[in-house]
Amino acid sequence: MATPKFDAPATHTNAWIFQTWLAFILSLSAMGVGIYLLPLNGWMKSYLGMGFVFSISSTISLAKTTRDLEESKRIFNRVDEAKLEKLLAEYDPFNK
């Protein structure tokens, strides 16, 4: 079974990009306001804020790492497929 070729990455529409940024900004704002309005002292709010920031940064790092791993698999598959095509192109079963 042949593997599908991934010639070009999928592109996103402007509406999708806007929606993802809007959702990110709204969730960030809602969580920030929620932490700010908690009936806690400043140290506890700061601790929750730090945890929130670390959660965001680790989520971004995880998403980037996952994307990079998938892209490296595509590149490896392309190189492997090119080697196989070259080998098949050079092979002549009638020339012995």
PDB file of N, CA and C in Angstrom:
ATOM      1  N   MET A   1       0.843  -1.177   0.000  1.00  0.00           N
ATOM      2  CA  MET A   1       0.000   0.000   0.000  1.00  0.00           C
ATOM      3  C   MET A   1       0.886   1.237   0.000  1.00  0.00           C
ATOM      4  N   ALA A   2       0.659   2.110  -0.912  1.00  0.00           N
ATOM      5  CA  ALA A   2       1.465   3.319  -1.036  1.00  0.00           C
ATOM      6  C   ALA A   2       1.027   4.341   0.004  1.00  0.00           C
ATOM      7  N   THR A   3       2.011   5.066   0.504  1.00  0.00           N
ATOM      8  CA  THR A   3       1.687   6.121   1.455  1.00  0.00           C
ATOM      9  C   THR A   3       1.304   7.379   0.691  1.00  0.00           C
ATOM     10  N   PRO A   4       0.342   8.134   1.206  1.00  0.00           N
ATOM     11  CA  PRO A   4      -0.061   9.352   0.498  1.00  0.00           C
ATOM     12  C   PRO A   4       1.065  10.386   0.526  1.00  0.00           C
ATOM     13  N   LYS A   5       1.150  11.174  -0.531  1.00  0.00           N
ATOM     14  CA  LYS A   5       2.165  12.215  -0.591  1.00  0.00           C
ATOM     15  C   LYS A   5       1.629  13.480   0.063  1.00  0.00           C
ATOM     16  N   PHE A   6       2.485  14.133   0.787  1.00  0.00           N
ATOM     17  CA  PHE A   6       2.155  15.403   1.424  1.00  0.00           C
ATOM     18  C   PHE A   6       3.009  16.473   0.761  1.00  0.00           C
ATOM     19  N   ASP A   7       2.543  16.973  -0.366  1.00  0.00           N
ATOM     20  CA  ASP A   7       3.337  17.941  -1.104  1.00  0.00           C
ATOM     21  C   ASP A   7       3.347  19.312  -0.456  1.00  0.00           C
ATOM     22  N   ALA A   8       2.213  19.759   0.014  1.00  0.00           N
ATOM     23  CA  ALA A   8       2.142  21.086   0.615  1.00  0.00           C
ATOM     24  C   ALA A   8       1.321  21.004   1.890  1.00  0.00           C
ATOM     25  N   PRO A   9       1.733  21.748   2.904  1.00  0.00           N
ATOM     26  CA  PRO A   9       0.945  21.738   4.132  1.00  0.00           C
ATOM     27  C   PRO A   9      -0.411  22.400   3.912  1.00  0.00           C
ATOM     28  N   ALA A  10      -1.363  21.981   4.694  1.00  0.00           N
ATOM     29  CA  ALA A  10      -2.703  22.574   4.591  1.00  0.00           C
ATOM     30  C   ALA A  10      -2.645  24.026   5.048  1.00  0.00           C
ATOM     31  N   THR A  11      -3.341  24.872   4.329  1.00  0.00           N
ATOM     32  CA  THR A  11      -3.373  26.270   4.727  1.00  0.00           C
ATOM     33  C   THR A  11      -4.683  26.552   5.455  1.00  0.00           C
ATOM     34  N   HIS A  12      -4.617  27.504   6.346  1.00  0.00           N
ATOM     35  CA  HIS A  12      -5.793  27.872   7.126  1.00  0.00           C
ATOM     36  C   HIS A  12      -6.409  29.139   6.564  1.00  0.00           C
ATOM     37  N   THR A  13      -7.707  29.233   6.672  1.00  0.00           N
ATOM     38  CA  THR A  13      -8.396  30.440   6.220  1.00  0.00           C
ATOM     39  C   THR A  13      -8.210  31.555   7.245  1.00  0.00           C
ATOM     40  N   ASN A  14      -8.409  32.773   6.800  1.00  0.00           N
ATOM     41  CA  ASN A  14      -8.306  33.914   7.714  1.00  0.00           C
ATOM     42  C   ASN A  14      -9.352  33.839   8.816  1.00  0.00           C
ATOM     43  N   ALA A  15     -10.523  33.310   8.486  1.00  0.00           N
ATOM     44  CA  ALA A  15     -11.583  33.172   9.502  1.00  0.00           C
ATOM     45  C   ALA A  15     -11.159  32.206  10.605  1.00  0.00           C
ATOM     46  N   TRP A  16     -10.518  31.108  10.233  1.00  0.00           N
ATOM     47  CA  TRP A  16     -10.069  30.124  11.231  1.00  0.00           C
ATOM     48  C   TRP A  16      -8.978  30.726  12.109  1.00  0.00           C
ATOM     49  N   ILE A  17      -8.037  31.431  11.501  1.00  0.00           N
ATOM     50  CA  ILE A  17      -6.956  32.047  12.269  1.00  0.00           C
ATOM     51  C   ILE A  17      -7.526  33.080  13.236  1.00  0.00           C
ATOM     52  N   PHE A  18      -8.464  33.893  12.765  1.00  0.00           N
ATOM     53  CA  PHE A  18      -9.100  34.889  13.630  1.00  0.00           C
ATOM     54  C   PHE A  18      -9.835  34.216  14.785  1.00  0.00           C
ATOM     55  N   GLN A  19     -10.557  33.153  14.499  1.00  0.00           N
ATOM     56  CA  GLN A  19     -11.330  32.452  15.532  1.00  0.00           C
ATOM     57  C   GLN A  19     -10.412  31.845  16.584  1.00  0.00           C
ATOM     58  N   THR A  20      -9.284  31.272  16.172  1.00  0.00           N
ATOM     59  CA  THR A  20      -8.386  30.670  17.155  1.00  0.00           C
ATOM     60  C   THR A  20      -7.737  31.735  18.031  1.00  0.00           C
ATOM     61  N   TRP A  21      -7.328  32.863  17.429  1.00  0.00           N
ATOM     62  CA  TRP A  21      -6.755  33.937  18.233  1.00  0.00           C
ATOM     63  C   TRP A  21      -7.800  34.537  19.175  1.00  0.00           C
ATOM     64  N   LEU A  22      -9.026  34.710  18.690  1.00  0.00           N
ATOM     65  CA  LEU A  22     -10.087  35.249  19.528  1.00  0.00           C
ATOM     66  C   LEU A  22     -10.374  34.324  20.716  1.00  0.00           C
ATOM     67  N   ALA A  23     -10.446  33.030  20.452  1.00  0.00           N
ATOM     68  CA  ALA A  23     -10.690  32.080  21.540  1.00  0.00           C
ATOM     69  C   ALA A  23      -9.548  32.103  22.551  1.00  0.00           C
ATOM     70  N   PHE A  24      -8.320  32.201  22.059  1.00  0.00           N
ATOM     71  CA  PHE A  24      -7.161  32.253  22.961  1.00  0.00           C
ATOM     72  C   PHE A  24      -7.215  33.504  23.828  1.00  0.00           C
ATOM     73  N   ILE A  25      -7.478  34.647  23.218  1.00  0.00           N
ATOM     74  CA  ILE A  25      -7.511  35.910  23.968  1.00  0.00           C
ATOM     75  C   ILE A  25      -8.673  35.936  24.958  1.00  0.00           C
ATOM     76  N   LEU A  26      -9.836  35.433  24.550  1.00  0.00           N
ATOM     77  CA  LEU A  26     -10.982  35.403  25.469  1.00  0.00           C
ATOM     78  C   LEU A  26     -10.734  34.476  26.656  1.00  0.00           C
ATOM     79  N   SER A  27     -10.167  33.307  26.403  1.00  0.00           N
ATOM     80  CA  SER A  27      -9.907  32.386  27.514  1.00  0.00           C
ATOM     81  C   SER A  27      -8.842  32.944  28.447  1.00  0.00           C
ATOM     82  N   LEU A  28      -7.831  33.579  27.867  1.00  0.00           N
ATOM     83  CA  LEU A  28      -6.784  34.202  28.676  1.00  0.00           C
ATOM     84  C   LEU A  28      -7.372  35.315  29.540  1.00  0.00           C
ATOM     85  N   SER A  29      -8.211  36.142  28.955  1.00  0.00           N
ATOM     86  CA  SER A  29      -8.837  37.247  29.693  1.00  0.00           C
ATOM     87  C   SER A  29      -9.775  36.732  30.783  1.00  0.00           C
ATOM     88  N   ALA A  30     -10.586  35.748  30.446  1.00  0.00           N
ATOM     89  CA  ALA A  30     -11.537  35.212  31.431  1.00  0.00           C
ATOM     90  C   ALA A  30     -10.808  34.596  32.620  1.00  0.00           C
ATOM     91  N   MET A  31      -9.741  33.877  32.355  1.00  0.00           N
ATOM     92  CA  MET A  31      -8.998  33.265  33.458  1.00  0.00           C
ATOM     93  C   MET A  31      -8.292  34.337  34.294  1.00  0.00           C
ATOM     94  N   GLY A  32      -7.740  35.354  33.630  1.00  0.00           N
ATOM     95  CA  GLY A  32      -7.087  36.442  34.360  1.00  0.00           C
ATOM     96  C   GLY A  32      -8.062  37.191  35.256  1.00  0.00           C
ATOM     97  N   VAL A  33      -9.236  37.491  34.733  1.00  0.00           N
ATOM     98  CA  VAL A  33     -10.262  38.173  35.531  1.00  0.00           C
ATOM     99  C   VAL A  33     -10.722  37.276  36.680  1.00  0.00           C
ATOM    100  N   GLY A  34     -10.878  36.001  36.398  1.00  0.00           N
ATOM    101  CA  GLY A  34     -11.292  35.067  37.448  1.00  0.00           C
ATOM    102  C   GLY A  34     -10.290  34.996  38.581  1.00  0.00           C
ATOM    103  N   ILE A  35      -9.012  34.951  38.253  1.00  0.00           N
ATOM    104  CA  ILE A  35      -7.989  34.924  39.305  1.00  0.00           C
ATOM    105  C   ILE A  35      -7.985  36.247  40.062  1.00  0.00           C
ATOM    106  N   TYR A  36      -8.120  37.352  39.349  1.00  0.00           N
ATOM    107  CA  TYR A  36      -8.108  38.669  39.977  1.00  0.00           C
ATOM    108  C   TYR A  36      -9.265  38.830  40.957  1.00  0.00           C
ATOM    109  N   LEU A  37     -10.437  38.301  40.619  1.00  0.00           N
ATOM    110  CA  LEU A  37     -11.622  38.487  41.467  1.00  0.00           C
ATOM    111  C   LEU A  37     -11.757  37.451  42.587  1.00  0.00           C
ATOM    112  N   LEU A  38     -10.847  36.500  42.653  1.00  0.00           N
ATOM    113  CA  LEU A  38     -10.909  35.526  43.746  1.00  0.00           C
ATOM    114  C   LEU A  38     -10.690  36.224  45.087  1.00  0.00           C
ATOM    115  N   PRO A  39     -11.400  35.789  46.111  1.00  0.00           N
ATOM    116  CA  PRO A  39     -11.227  36.407  47.430  1.00  0.00           C
ATOM    117  C   PRO A  39      -9.994  35.844  48.158  1.00  0.00           C
ATOM    118  N   LEU A  40      -8.820  36.079  47.562  1.00  0.00           N
ATOM    119  CA  LEU A  40      -7.565  35.598  48.134  1.00  0.00           C
ATOM    120  C   LEU A  40      -6.597  36.756  48.257  1.00  0.00           C
ATOM    121  N   ASN A  41      -5.523  36.528  49.038  1.00  0.00           N
ATOM    122  CA  ASN A  41      -4.519  37.587  49.140  1.00  0.00           C
ATOM    123  C   ASN A  41      -3.625  37.591  47.896  1.00  0.00           C
ATOM    124  N   GLY A  42      -2.783  38.604  47.796  1.00  0.00           N
ATOM    125  CA  GLY A  42      -1.954  38.804  46.612  1.00  0.00           C
ATOM    126  C   GLY A  42      -1.007  37.653  46.314  1.00  0.00           C
ATOM    127  N   TRP A  43      -0.447  37.041  47.369  1.00  0.00           N
ATOM    128  CA  TRP A  43       0.496  35.941  47.161  1.00  0.00           C
ATOM    129  C   TRP A  43      -0.190  34.746  46.530  1.00  0.00           C
ATOM    130  N   MET A  44      -1.379  34.431  46.977  1.00  0.00           N
ATOM    131  CA  MET A  44      -2.103  33.284  46.414  1.00  0.00           C
ATOM    132  C   MET A  44      -2.519  33.555  44.969  1.00  0.00           C
ATOM    133  N   LYS A  45      -2.959  34.780  44.699  1.00  0.00           N
ATOM    134  CA  LYS A  45      -3.317  35.141  43.328  1.00  0.00           C
ATOM    135  C   LYS A  45      -2.093  35.077  42.413  1.00  0.00           C
ATOM    136  N   SER A  46      -0.951  35.539  42.930  1.00  0.00           N
ATOM    137  CA  SER A  46       0.282  35.477  42.144  1.00  0.00           C
ATOM    138  C   SER A  46       0.675  34.033  41.847  1.00  0.00           C
ATOM    139  N   TYR A  47       0.515  33.159  42.826  1.00  0.00           N
ATOM    140  CA  TYR A  47       0.832  31.745  42.626  1.00  0.00           C
ATOM    141  C   TYR A  47      -0.082  31.138  41.553  1.00  0.00           C
ATOM    142  N   LEU A  48      -1.369  31.435  41.627  1.00  0.00           N
ATOM    143  CA  LEU A  48      -2.292  30.935  40.606  1.00  0.00           C
ATOM    144  C   LEU A  48      -1.963  31.528  39.236  1.00  0.00           C
ATOM    145  N   GLY A  49      -1.585  32.790  39.196  1.00  0.00           N
ATOM    146  CA  GLY A  49      -1.204  33.426  37.939  1.00  0.00           C
ATOM    147  C   GLY A  49       0.032  32.786  37.328  1.00  0.00           C
ATOM    148  N   MET A  50       1.026  32.476  38.165  1.00  0.00           N
ATOM    149  CA  MET A  50       2.226  31.799  37.662  1.00  0.00           C
ATOM    150  C   MET A  50       1.883  30.419  37.108  1.00  0.00           C
ATOM    151  N   GLY A  51       1.049  29.693  37.804  1.00  0.00           N
ATOM    152  CA  GLY A  51       0.630  28.383  37.311  1.00  0.00           C
ATOM    153  C   GLY A  51      -0.102  28.487  35.991  1.00  0.00           C
ATOM    154  N   PHE A  52      -0.914  29.517  35.853  1.00  0.00           N
ATOM    155  CA  PHE A  52      -1.651  29.752  34.618  1.00  0.00           C
ATOM    156  C   PHE A  52      -0.693  30.057  33.461  1.00  0.00           C
ATOM    157  N   VAL A  53       0.289  30.919  33.698  1.00  0.00           N
ATOM    158  CA  VAL A  53       1.267  31.267  32.660  1.00  0.00           C
ATOM    159  C   VAL A  53       2.096  30.042  32.272  1.00  0.00           C
ATOM    160  N   PHE A  54       2.514  29.250  33.236  1.00  0.00           N
ATOM    161  CA  PHE A  54       3.282  28.036  32.930  1.00  0.00           C
ATOM    162  C   PHE A  54       2.433  27.030  32.163  1.00  0.00           C
ATOM    163  N   SER A  55       1.151  26.954  32.470  1.00  0.00           N
ATOM    164  CA  SER A  55       0.264  26.055  31.723  1.00  0.00           C
ATOM    165  C   SER A  55       0.171  26.475  30.260  1.00  0.00           C
ATOM    166  N   ILE A  56       0.060  27.769  30.028  1.00  0.00           N
ATOM    167  CA  ILE A  56      -0.011  28.270  28.652  1.00  0.00           C
ATOM    168  C   ILE A  56       1.293  27.979  27.916  1.00  0.00           C
ATOM    169  N   SER A  57       2.427  28.289  28.543  1.00  0.00           N
ATOM    170  CA  SER A  57       3.709  28.095  27.857  1.00  0.00           C
ATOM    171  C   SER A  57       3.983  26.619  27.595  1.00  0.00           C
ATOM    172  N   SER A  58       3.613  25.745  28.518  1.00  0.00           N
ATOM    173  CA  SER A  58       3.849  24.314  28.282  1.00  0.00           C
ATOM    174  C   SER A  58       2.911  23.774  27.207  1.00  0.00           C
ATOM    175  N   THR A  59       1.702  24.313  27.117  1.00  0.00           N
ATOM    176  CA  THR A  59       0.783  23.908  26.055  1.00  0.00           C
ATOM    177  C   THR A  59       1.316  24.316  24.691  1.00  0.00           C
ATOM    178  N   ILE A  60       1.843  25.524  24.584  1.00  0.00           N
ATOM    179  CA  ILE A  60       2.428  25.986  23.322  1.00  0.00           C
ATOM    180  C   ILE A  60       3.637  25.138  22.960  1.00  0.00           C
ATOM    181  N   SER A  61       4.483  24.829  23.936  1.00  0.00           N
ATOM    182  CA  SER A  61       5.660  23.988  23.672  1.00  0.00           C
ATOM    183  C   SER A  61       5.261  22.590  23.225  1.00  0.00           C
ATOM    184  N   LEU A  62       4.248  22.018  23.855  1.00  0.00           N
ATOM    185  CA  LEU A  62       3.774  20.691  23.473  1.00  0.00           C
ATOM    186  C   LEU A  62       3.215  20.699  22.060  1.00  0.00           C
ATOM    187  N   ALA A  63       2.431  21.715  21.721  1.00  0.00           N
ATOM    188  CA  ALA A  63       1.872  21.808  20.371  1.00  0.00           C
ATOM    189  C   ALA A  63       2.975  21.954  19.331  1.00  0.00           C
ATOM    190  N   LYS A  64       3.991  22.769  19.619  1.00  0.00           N
ATOM    191  CA  LYS A  64       5.096  22.955  18.686  1.00  0.00           C
ATOM    192  C   LYS A  64       5.898  21.670  18.526  1.00  0.00           C
ATOM    193  N   THR A  65       6.155  20.976  19.614  1.00  0.00           N
ATOM    194  CA  THR A  65       6.913  19.725  19.551  1.00  0.00           C
ATOM    195  C   THR A  65       6.160  18.678  18.756  1.00  0.00           C
ATOM    196  N   THR A  66       4.855  18.566  18.975  1.00  0.00           N
ATOM    197  CA  THR A  66       4.043  17.605  18.232  1.00  0.00           C
ATOM    198  C   THR A  66       4.059  17.927  16.745  1.00  0.00           C
ATOM    199  N   ARG A  67       3.918  19.199  16.408  1.00  0.00           N
ATOM    200  CA  ARG A  67       3.968  19.611  14.999  1.00  0.00           C
ATOM    201  C   ARG A  67       5.325  19.307  14.379  1.00  0.00           C
ATOM    202  N   ASP A  68       6.405  19.604  15.108  1.00  0.00           N
ATOM    203  CA  ASP A  68       7.747  19.343  14.590  1.00  0.00           C
ATOM    204  C   ASP A  68       7.988  17.861  14.363  1.00  0.00           C
ATOM    205  N   LEU A  69       7.495  17.016  15.261  1.00  0.00           N
ATOM    206  CA  LEU A  69       7.648  15.566  15.085  1.00  0.00           C
ATOM    207  C   LEU A  69       6.911  15.074  13.850  1.00  0.00           C
ATOM    208  N   GLU A  70       5.703  15.583  13.634  1.00  0.00           N
ATOM    209  CA  GLU A  70       4.939  15.184  12.449  1.00  0.00           C
ATOM    210  C   GLU A  70       5.619  15.649  11.167  1.00  0.00           C
ATOM    211  N   GLU A  71       6.161  16.869  11.182  1.00  0.00           N
ATOM    212  CA  GLU A  71       6.853  17.368  10.002  1.00  0.00           C
ATOM    213  C   GLU A  71       8.116  16.575   9.718  1.00  0.00           C
ATOM    214  N   SER A  72       8.827  16.159  10.774  1.00  0.00           N
ATOM    215  CA  SER A  72      10.043  15.373  10.552  1.00  0.00           C
ATOM    216  C   SER A  72       9.706  13.997   9.991  1.00  0.00           C
ATOM    217  N   LYS A  73       8.576  13.429  10.374  1.00  0.00           N
ATOM    218  CA  LYS A  73       8.149  12.150   9.802  1.00  0.00           C
ATOM    219  C   LYS A  73       7.854  12.303   8.315  1.00  0.00           C
ATOM    220  N   ARG A  74       7.229  13.409   7.943  1.00  0.00           N
ATOM    221  CA  ARG A  74       6.929  13.655   6.529  1.00  0.00           C
ATOM    222  C   ARG A  74       8.209  13.766   5.722  1.00  0.00           C
ATOM    223  N   ILE A  75       9.201  14.495   6.249  1.00  0.00           N
ATOM    224  CA  ILE A  75      10.461  14.662   5.537  1.00  0.00           C
ATOM    225  C   ILE A  75      11.172  13.325   5.410  1.00  0.00           C
ATOM    226  N   PHE A  76      11.190  12.539   6.481  1.00  0.00           N
ATOM    227  CA  PHE A  76      11.831  11.224   6.437  1.00  0.00           C
ATOM    228  C   PHE A  76      11.141  10.331   5.411  1.00  0.00           C
ATOM    229  N   ASN A  77       9.812  10.367   5.371  1.00  0.00           N
ATOM    230  CA  ASN A  77       9.077   9.564   4.401  1.00  0.00           C
ATOM    231  C   ASN A  77       9.374  10.007   2.972  1.00  0.00           C
ATOM    232  N   ARG A  78       9.529  11.302   2.752  1.00  0.00           N
ATOM    233  CA  ARG A  78       9.853  11.798   1.420  1.00  0.00           C
ATOM    234  C   ARG A  78      11.225  11.313   0.975  1.00  0.00           C
ATOM    235  N   VAL A  79      12.202  11.378   1.869  1.00  0.00           N
ATOM    236  CA  VAL A  79      13.555  10.929   1.538  1.00  0.00           C
ATOM    237  C   VAL A  79      13.549   9.433   1.264  1.00  0.00           C
ATOM    238  N   ASP A  80      12.865   8.678   2.093  1.00  0.00           N
ATOM    239  CA  ASP A  80      12.784   7.234   1.911  1.00  0.00           C
ATOM    240  C   ASP A  80      12.087   6.881   0.593  1.00  0.00           C
ATOM    241  N   GLU A  81      11.030   7.614   0.278  1.00  0.00           N
ATOM    242  CA  GLU A  81      10.301   7.379  -0.967  1.00  0.00           C
ATOM    243  C   GLU A  81      11.167   7.735  -2.178  1.00  0.00           C
ATOM    244  N   ALA A  82      11.948   8.808  -2.088  1.00  0.00           N
ATOM    245  CA  ALA A  82      12.831   9.202  -3.189  1.00  0.00           C
ATOM    246  C   ALA A  82      13.904   8.143  -3.422  1.00  0.00           C
ATOM    247  N   LYS A  83      14.451   7.589  -2.348  1.00  0.00           N
ATOM    248  CA  LYS A  83      15.451   6.518  -2.492  1.00  0.00           C
ATOM    249  C   LYS A  83      14.844   5.297  -3.167  1.00  0.00           C
ATOM    250  N   LEU A  84      13.637   4.935  -2.792  1.00  0.00           N
ATOM    251  CA  LEU A  84      12.972   3.787  -3.387  1.00  0.00           C
ATOM    252  C   LEU A  84      12.681   4.031  -4.868  1.00  0.00           C
ATOM    253  N   GLU A  85      12.219   5.230  -5.204  1.00  0.00           N
ATOM    254  CA  GLU A  85      11.948   5.544  -6.608  1.00  0.00           C
ATOM    255  C   GLU A  85      13.220   5.500  -7.445  1.00  0.00           C
ATOM    256  N   LYS A  86      14.327   5.976  -6.904  1.00  0.00           N
ATOM    257  CA  LYS A  86      15.605   5.935  -7.623  1.00  0.00           C
ATOM    258  C   LYS A  86      16.041   4.492  -7.828  1.00  0.00           C
ATOM    259  N   LEU A  87      15.900   3.685  -6.791  1.00  0.00           N
ATOM    260  CA  LEU A  87      16.282   2.276  -6.893  1.00  0.00           C
ATOM    261  C   LEU A  87      15.440   1.556  -7.933  1.00  0.00           C
ATOM    262  N   LEU A  88      14.147   1.812  -7.941  1.00  0.00           N
ATOM    263  CA  LEU A  88      13.269   1.177  -8.926  1.00  0.00           C
ATOM    264  C   LEU A  88      13.539   1.679 -10.339  1.00  0.00           C
ATOM    265  N   ALA A  89      13.896   2.968 -10.468  1.00  0.00           N
ATOM    266  CA  ALA A  89      14.186   3.520 -11.788  1.00  0.00           C
ATOM    267  C   ALA A  89      15.469   2.922 -12.359  1.00  0.00           C
ATOM    268  N   GLU A  90      16.427   2.617 -11.489  1.00  0.00           N
ATOM    269  CA  GLU A  90      17.697   2.061 -11.953  1.00  0.00           C
ATOM    270  C   GLU A  90      17.628   0.555 -12.193  1.00  0.00           C
ATOM    271  N   TYR A  91      16.641  -0.095 -11.641  1.00  0.00           N
ATOM    272  CA  TYR A  91      16.539  -1.552 -11.765  1.00  0.00           C
ATOM    273  C   TYR A  91      15.916  -1.918 -13.118  1.00  0.00           C
ATOM    274  N   ASP A  92      16.612  -2.755 -13.846  1.00  0.00           N
ATOM    275  CA  ASP A  92      16.126  -3.230 -15.136  1.00  0.00           C
ATOM    276  C   ASP A  92      16.122  -4.756 -15.080  1.00  0.00           C
ATOM    277  N   PRO A  93      14.949  -5.376 -14.983  1.00  0.00           N
ATOM    278  CA  PRO A  93      14.910  -6.845 -14.810  1.00  0.00           C
ATOM    279  C   PRO A  93      15.346  -7.595 -16.068  1.00  0.00           C
ATOM    280  N   PHE A  94      15.359  -6.942 -17.232  1.00  0.00           N
ATOM    281  CA  PHE A  94      15.709  -7.638 -18.460  1.00  0.00           C
ATOM    282  C   PHE A  94      17.204  -7.513 -18.794  1.00  0.00           C
ATOM    283  N   ASN A  95      17.910  -6.697 -18.028  1.00  0.00           N
ATOM    284  CA  ASN A  95      19.338  -6.515 -18.270  1.00  0.00           C
ATOM    285  C   ASN A  95      20.114  -7.291 -17.216  1.00  0.00           C
ATOM    286  N   LYS A  96      20.717  -8.409 -17.650  1.00  0.00           N
ATOM    287  CA  LYS A  96      21.423  -9.233 -16.665  1.00  0.00           C
ATOM    288  C   LYS A  96      22.861  -9.362 -17.031  1.00  0.00           C
TER     289      LYS A  96
END
